[in-house]
Structure formats: C-alpha cells, structure tokens
Amino acid sequence: MKYIGYLGSSLAFLCSVPQVMLAIKNGNAEGLSQVMLVMWFSAMVLLCFYVSKTSKDKILMAQYSITSVQVAILLYFSYFPSSI
C-alpha cells in the first residue's frame, strides 16, 4: 500500500511540471484559476504539516514541498505576469 501512495504522490507531483515550465516560458499563468492555485497551495502546505507531525515520511515530505514550490511559481505568474 505504501508504494501505491508513493506512485499517486509522484504522479500528482509530475503533472504540474509541464504547467510550471509553460508559465516560466510565457511569463504568465494565463488560464489557471487563482482560487484553484490558492487552494492547491494551501493543500500542499497542510499536507506537509500533516506528514511532518504523523509519519515523517521523507519521500512524501519532499514531494509535497517541491509541489508547494511549483504551485508558488504558478501563483507568482498568476498575480504578476510579465510583459513578454
């Protein structure tokens, strides 16, 4: 069961990579809802807190932390698009 959790967490982590790369390339996060991004970021922060207080699973903590950074990048480009 543990590995199913790792697989799901890894896929969730990887699905944001293309969007982050596109936002960096274009200088904006056009088409993404700011409400969704705020909720996604909040979920990642809460999951980091939960893992740190319960299982202390380093793999999940790393994945949630990196995804939090990815979502923060999307939030940045959502609120502060560059004029390319």
Protein backbone atom coordinates (compact mmCIF):
# COMPACT_ATOMS: atom_id res chain seq x y z
CA MET A 1 0.00 0.00 0.00
CA LYS A 2 2.85 2.34 0.78
CA TYR A 3 4.11 2.17 -2.80
CA ILE A 4 0.65 2.95 -4.20
CA GLY A 5 0.76 6.14 -2.13
CA TYR A 6 4.21 6.97 -3.47
CA LEU A 7 3.03 6.37 -7.03
CA GLY A 8 -0.02 8.60 -6.61
CA SER A 9 2.01 11.30 -4.94
CA SER A 10 4.65 11.12 -7.67
CA LEU A 11 2.06 11.45 -10.42
CA ALA A 12 0.47 14.44 -8.68
CA PHE A 13 3.92 16.00 -8.39
CA LEU A 14 4.79 15.35 -12.04
CA CYS A 15 1.52 16.63 -13.50
CA SER A 16 2.36 20.21 -12.51
CA VAL A 17 5.83 20.21 -14.15
CA PRO A 18 4.63 20.99 -17.73
CA GLN A 19 2.41 23.81 -16.49
CA VAL A 20 5.22 25.36 -14.45
CA MET A 21 7.57 25.16 -17.44
CA LEU A 22 4.95 26.80 -19.67
CA ALA A 23 4.33 29.58 -17.12
CA ILE A 24 8.05 30.31 -16.87
CA LYS A 25 8.43 30.27 -20.67
CA ASN A 26 5.40 32.53 -21.29
CA GLY A 27 5.83 34.67 -18.19
CA ASN A 28 2.24 34.12 -17.06
CA ALA A 29 -0.18 31.52 -15.75
CA GLU A 30 -2.99 32.54 -18.08
CA GLY A 31 -5.99 30.26 -17.97
CA LEU A 32 -5.38 29.00 -14.44
CA SER A 33 -7.83 29.98 -11.74
CA GLN A 34 -6.21 31.92 -8.90
CA VAL A 35 -8.72 30.37 -6.49
CA MET A 36 -7.66 26.88 -7.60
CA LEU A 37 -3.99 27.79 -7.21
CA VAL A 38 -4.52 29.19 -3.70
CA MET A 39 -6.46 26.06 -2.71
CA TRP A 40 -3.80 23.80 -4.23
CA PHE A 41 -1.01 25.66 -2.43
CA SER A 42 -2.93 25.53 0.86
CA ALA A 43 -3.48 21.78 0.43
CA MET A 44 0.23 21.19 -0.14
CA VAL A 45 1.19 23.23 2.94
CA LEU A 46 -1.35 21.38 5.07
CA LEU A 47 -0.14 18.02 3.74
CA CYS A 48 3.47 18.97 4.59
CA PHE A 49 2.36 19.86 8.11
CA TYR A 50 0.38 16.61 8.45
CA VAL A 51 3.25 14.41 7.24
CA SER A 52 5.72 16.21 9.50
CA LYS A 53 3.51 15.58 12.55
CA THR A 54 2.48 11.98 11.79
CA SER A 55 4.55 9.69 9.61
CA LYS A 56 7.60 11.88 9.00
CA ASP A 57 7.87 10.16 5.60
CA LYS A 58 10.79 11.89 3.87
CA ILE A 59 9.68 10.94 0.35
CA LEU A 60 6.19 12.36 0.78
CA MET A 61 7.57 15.43 2.53
CA ALA A 62 9.96 16.09 -0.35
CA GLN A 63 7.25 15.64 -2.96
CA TYR A 64 4.78 17.88 -1.14
CA SER A 65 7.44 20.51 -0.53
CA ILE A 66 8.56 20.58 -4.16
CA THR A 67 4.96 20.71 -5.37
CA SER A 68 4.38 23.64 -2.98
CA VAL A 69 7.25 25.48 -4.67
CA GLN A 70 5.85 24.64 -8.11
CA VAL A 71 2.42 25.97 -7.17
CA ALA A 72 4.02 29.07 -5.63
CA ILE A 73 5.68 29.72 -9.01
CA LEU A 74 2.31 29.39 -10.74
CA LEU A 75 0.75 31.74 -8.18
CA TYR A 76 3.51 34.28 -8.76
CA PHE A 77 2.98 34.27 -12.52
CA SER A 78 -0.78 34.36 -11.99
CA TYR A 79 -0.62 37.53 -9.88
CA PHE A 80 2.43 39.13 -11.54
CA PRO A 81 2.50 38.23 -15.24
CA SER A 82 5.48 39.54 -17.14
CA SER A 83 5.04 41.55 -20.31
CA ILE A 84 6.93 39.41 -22.81
